Amino acid sequence: MQRVLIFAPMRNPKRPKDTNQRAKYIVELLTGEVIEPNPDEGKSPKRVKIGRLGGLKGGKARAEKLSAKKRKSIAKKAAKKRWAKK
């Protein structure tokens, strides 16, 4: 079976992490030397709309399907992770 790789368009362009390089990049953007790619380029507007609909209702629909006990265990696990980072 042969694998087919499908590359999605670049959503979040990589920006420099170094403060000086980032400042230079911003100046280049403002002066028009560098053009930032459009994240919606090459996407079908219909599919973008459908994807957004699913994203908007996904969390609420999942929460409604979960039992109170399961929601509570997920919330406890998330709180532990959050507080463990500090």
N, C-alpha and C. Protein backbone atom coordinates (compact mmCIF):
# COMPACT_ATOMS: atom_id res chain seq x y z
N MET A 1 0.84 -1.18 0.00
CA MET A 1 0.00 0.00 0.00
C MET A 1 0.89 1.25 0.00
N GLN A 2 0.64 2.14 -0.90
CA GLN A 2 1.46 3.33 -1.03
C GLN A 2 0.84 4.49 -0.26
N ARG A 3 1.68 5.21 0.49
CA ARG A 3 1.20 6.36 1.25
C ARG A 3 1.21 7.60 0.38
N VAL A 4 0.17 8.39 0.49
CA VAL A 4 0.09 9.64 -0.25
C VAL A 4 0.12 10.77 0.77
N LEU A 5 1.07 11.66 0.63
CA LEU A 5 1.17 12.78 1.55
C LEU A 5 0.45 13.98 0.97
N ILE A 6 -0.43 14.55 1.75
CA ILE A 6 -1.16 15.73 1.33
C ILE A 6 -0.71 16.87 2.24
N PHE A 7 -0.20 17.92 1.64
CA PHE A 7 0.28 19.04 2.43
C PHE A 7 -0.78 20.13 2.48
N ALA A 8 -1.17 20.50 3.69
CA ALA A 8 -2.15 21.56 3.88
C ALA A 8 -1.46 22.92 3.69
N PRO A 9 -2.22 23.93 3.31
CA PRO A 9 -1.61 25.25 3.17
C PRO A 9 -1.10 25.74 4.52
N MET A 10 -0.09 26.58 4.48
CA MET A 10 0.53 27.08 5.70
C MET A 10 -0.46 27.98 6.45
N ARG A 11 -0.83 27.59 7.66
CA ARG A 11 -1.82 28.35 8.42
C ARG A 11 -1.17 29.45 9.24
N ASN A 12 -0.17 29.09 10.01
CA ASN A 12 0.52 30.07 10.84
C ASN A 12 1.95 30.18 10.37
N PRO A 13 2.27 31.28 9.72
CA PRO A 13 3.65 31.40 9.23
C PRO A 13 4.62 31.47 10.40
N LYS A 14 5.79 30.88 10.21
CA LYS A 14 6.81 30.91 11.24
C LYS A 14 7.39 32.31 11.30
N ARG A 15 7.43 32.85 12.48
CA ARG A 15 8.02 34.17 12.69
C ARG A 15 9.24 33.99 13.59
N PRO A 16 10.22 34.86 13.43
CA PRO A 16 11.43 34.74 14.25
C PRO A 16 11.13 34.85 15.74
N LYS A 17 11.84 34.06 16.56
CA LYS A 17 11.66 34.11 18.01
C LYS A 17 12.58 35.15 18.64
N ASP A 18 13.72 35.40 18.00
CA ASP A 18 14.66 36.38 18.51
C ASP A 18 14.04 37.78 18.40
N THR A 19 14.16 38.58 19.46
CA THR A 19 13.54 39.89 19.50
C THR A 19 14.01 40.80 18.37
N ASN A 20 15.30 40.83 18.13
CA ASN A 20 15.83 41.70 17.08
C ASN A 20 15.38 41.25 15.69
N GLN A 21 15.41 39.95 15.46
CA GLN A 21 14.98 39.43 14.16
C GLN A 21 13.49 39.67 13.95
N ARG A 22 12.70 39.53 15.03
CA ARG A 22 11.27 39.77 14.93
C ARG A 22 11.00 41.24 14.60
N ALA A 23 11.74 42.15 15.25
CA ALA A 23 11.57 43.58 14.98
C ALA A 23 11.89 43.88 13.52
N LYS A 24 12.97 43.29 13.01
CA LYS A 24 13.35 43.48 11.61
C LYS A 24 12.24 42.97 10.68
N TYR A 25 11.69 41.81 11.02
CA TYR A 25 10.62 41.21 10.23
C TYR A 25 9.38 42.11 10.20
N ILE A 26 9.03 42.68 11.36
CA ILE A 26 7.87 43.56 11.43
C ILE A 26 8.09 44.81 10.58
N VAL A 27 9.30 45.38 10.66
CA VAL A 27 9.61 46.56 9.84
C VAL A 27 9.50 46.21 8.36
N GLU A 28 10.00 45.04 7.97
CA GLU A 28 9.92 44.60 6.57
C GLU A 28 8.47 44.42 6.14
N LEU A 29 7.62 43.90 7.04
CA LEU A 29 6.20 43.75 6.72
C LEU A 29 5.56 45.12 6.50
N LEU A 30 5.88 46.06 7.38
CA LEU A 30 5.27 47.38 7.30
C LEU A 30 5.73 48.17 6.08
N THR A 31 6.98 47.95 5.67
CA THR A 31 7.49 48.68 4.51
C THR A 31 7.16 47.98 3.20
N GLY A 32 6.65 46.76 3.28
CA GLY A 32 6.26 46.05 2.08
C GLY A 32 7.38 45.24 1.45
N GLU A 33 8.50 45.09 2.13
CA GLU A 33 9.61 44.29 1.59
C GLU A 33 9.28 42.80 1.63
N VAL A 34 8.51 42.40 2.64
CA VAL A 34 8.10 41.01 2.78
C VAL A 34 6.58 40.99 2.80
N ILE A 35 5.99 40.05 2.10
CA ILE A 35 4.54 39.92 2.09
C ILE A 35 4.18 38.64 2.81
N GLU A 36 3.34 38.77 3.83
CA GLU A 36 2.92 37.61 4.61
C GLU A 36 1.90 36.81 3.80
N PRO A 37 2.04 35.47 3.76
CA PRO A 37 1.10 34.68 2.97
C PRO A 37 -0.31 34.72 3.57
N ASN A 38 -1.29 34.69 2.69
CA ASN A 38 -2.69 34.68 3.11
C ASN A 38 -3.04 33.27 3.60
N PRO A 39 -3.49 33.13 4.86
CA PRO A 39 -3.79 31.79 5.38
C PRO A 39 -4.97 31.10 4.71
N ASP A 40 -5.87 31.88 4.09
CA ASP A 40 -7.06 31.30 3.44
C ASP A 40 -6.84 31.02 1.96
N GLU A 41 -5.65 31.26 1.46
CA GLU A 41 -5.37 31.05 0.04
C GLU A 41 -5.43 29.57 -0.29
N GLY A 42 -6.16 29.22 -1.32
CA GLY A 42 -6.25 27.84 -1.76
C GLY A 42 -7.32 27.03 -1.06
N LYS A 43 -8.08 27.64 -0.17
CA LYS A 43 -9.12 26.92 0.55
C LYS A 43 -10.47 27.20 -0.10
N SER A 44 -11.32 26.20 -0.06
CA SER A 44 -12.67 26.35 -0.57
C SER A 44 -13.52 27.07 0.49
N PRO A 45 -14.18 28.17 0.13
CA PRO A 45 -15.01 28.89 1.11
C PRO A 45 -16.11 28.02 1.72
N LYS A 46 -16.66 27.11 0.92
CA LYS A 46 -17.70 26.21 1.44
C LYS A 46 -17.15 25.32 2.56
N ARG A 47 -15.96 24.76 2.30
CA ARG A 47 -15.37 23.87 3.29
C ARG A 47 -14.93 24.61 4.55
N VAL A 48 -14.47 25.84 4.39
CA VAL A 48 -14.11 26.66 5.54
C VAL A 48 -15.34 26.89 6.41
N LYS A 49 -16.46 27.19 5.77
CA LYS A 49 -17.70 27.44 6.50
C LYS A 49 -18.17 26.18 7.24
N ILE A 50 -18.10 25.04 6.59
CA ILE A 50 -18.51 23.77 7.20
C ILE A 50 -17.60 23.44 8.38
N GLY A 51 -16.30 23.63 8.20
CA GLY A 51 -15.35 23.36 9.27
C GLY A 51 -15.57 24.24 10.48
N ARG A 52 -15.89 25.49 10.22
CA ARG A 52 -16.15 26.43 11.31
C ARG A 52 -17.40 26.03 12.08
N LEU A 53 -18.44 25.59 11.37
CA LEU A 53 -19.66 25.15 12.04
C LEU A 53 -19.38 23.99 12.98
N GLY A 54 -18.61 23.03 12.51
CA GLY A 54 -18.27 21.89 13.34
C GLY A 54 -17.46 22.29 14.56
N GLY A 55 -16.55 23.22 14.37
CA GLY A 55 -15.71 23.68 15.47
C GLY A 55 -16.50 24.43 16.52
N LEU A 56 -17.50 25.18 16.08
CA LEU A 56 -18.29 25.96 17.03
C LEU A 56 -19.18 25.10 17.92
N LYS A 57 -19.70 24.02 17.35
CA LYS A 57 -20.63 23.22 18.15
C LYS A 57 -19.96 21.99 18.78
N GLY A 58 -18.72 21.70 18.43
CA GLY A 58 -18.06 20.48 18.87
C GLY A 58 -17.93 20.32 20.37
N GLY A 59 -17.44 21.34 21.07
CA GLY A 59 -17.23 21.24 22.52
C GLY A 59 -18.52 21.09 23.29
N LYS A 60 -19.52 21.86 22.89
CA LYS A 60 -20.82 21.79 23.58
C LYS A 60 -21.46 20.42 23.38
N ALA A 61 -21.41 19.92 22.14
CA ALA A 61 -22.02 18.62 21.84
C ALA A 61 -21.33 17.50 22.62
N ARG A 62 -20.00 17.60 22.71
CA ARG A 62 -19.23 16.58 23.45
C ARG A 62 -19.59 16.63 24.93
N ALA A 63 -19.69 17.83 25.49
CA ALA A 63 -20.01 17.98 26.91
C ALA A 63 -21.40 17.44 27.22
N GLU A 64 -22.35 17.62 26.31
CA GLU A 64 -23.70 17.12 26.54
C GLU A 64 -23.75 15.60 26.54
N LYS A 65 -22.90 14.97 25.75
CA LYS A 65 -22.89 13.51 25.66
C LYS A 65 -22.22 12.85 26.87
N LEU A 66 -21.30 13.57 27.52
CA LEU A 66 -20.57 13.00 28.65
C LEU A 66 -21.44 12.96 29.90
N SER A 67 -21.20 11.94 30.72
CA SER A 67 -21.91 11.87 31.99
C SER A 67 -21.25 12.85 32.96
N ALA A 68 -21.97 13.18 34.03
CA ALA A 68 -21.45 14.13 35.02
C ALA A 68 -20.17 13.58 35.65
N LYS A 69 -20.13 12.30 35.88
CA LYS A 69 -18.96 11.67 36.51
C LYS A 69 -17.73 11.79 35.59
N LYS A 70 -17.92 11.54 34.31
CA LYS A 70 -16.82 11.61 33.34
C LYS A 70 -16.33 13.06 33.18
N ARG A 71 -17.28 14.00 33.11
CA ARG A 71 -16.90 15.43 33.01
C ARG A 71 -16.08 15.86 34.21
N LYS A 72 -16.48 15.39 35.40
CA LYS A 72 -15.78 15.74 36.63
C LYS A 72 -14.36 15.18 36.63
N SER A 73 -14.20 13.95 36.14
CA SER A 73 -12.86 13.35 36.12
C SER A 73 -11.96 14.08 35.11
N ILE A 74 -12.52 14.50 33.99
CA ILE A 74 -11.75 15.24 32.99
C ILE A 74 -11.33 16.59 33.56
N ALA A 75 -12.24 17.26 34.27
CA ALA A 75 -11.94 18.56 34.86
C ALA A 75 -10.86 18.44 35.93
N LYS A 76 -10.93 17.39 36.74
CA LYS A 76 -9.90 17.17 37.78
C LYS A 76 -8.53 16.95 37.15
N LYS A 77 -8.51 16.14 36.10
CA LYS A 77 -7.25 15.85 35.42
C LYS A 77 -6.65 17.13 34.82
N ALA A 78 -7.50 17.96 34.23
CA ALA A 78 -7.04 19.22 33.63
C ALA A 78 -6.50 20.16 34.70
N ALA A 79 -7.20 20.23 35.84
CA ALA A 79 -6.76 21.10 36.94
C ALA A 79 -5.40 20.64 37.47
N LYS A 80 -5.23 19.33 37.62
CA LYS A 80 -3.93 18.80 38.08
C LYS A 80 -2.81 19.21 37.14
N LYS A 81 -3.05 19.06 35.85
CA LYS A 81 -2.04 19.42 34.83
C LYS A 81 -1.71 20.91 34.91
N ARG A 82 -2.76 21.75 35.04
CA ARG A 82 -2.55 23.19 35.10
C ARG A 82 -1.71 23.58 36.31
N TRP A 83 -2.05 23.05 37.46
CA TRP A 83 -1.35 23.43 38.68
C TRP A 83 0.03 22.79 38.77
N ALA A 84 0.24 21.68 38.08
CA ALA A 84 1.54 21.01 38.11
C ALA A 84 2.61 21.80 37.35
N LYS A 85 2.18 22.65 36.42
CA LYS A 85 3.13 23.42 35.61
C LYS A 85 3.86 24.48 36.43
N LYS A 86 3.27 24.94 37.50
CA LYS A 86 3.87 26.03 38.28
C LYS A 86 4.88 25.57 39.26
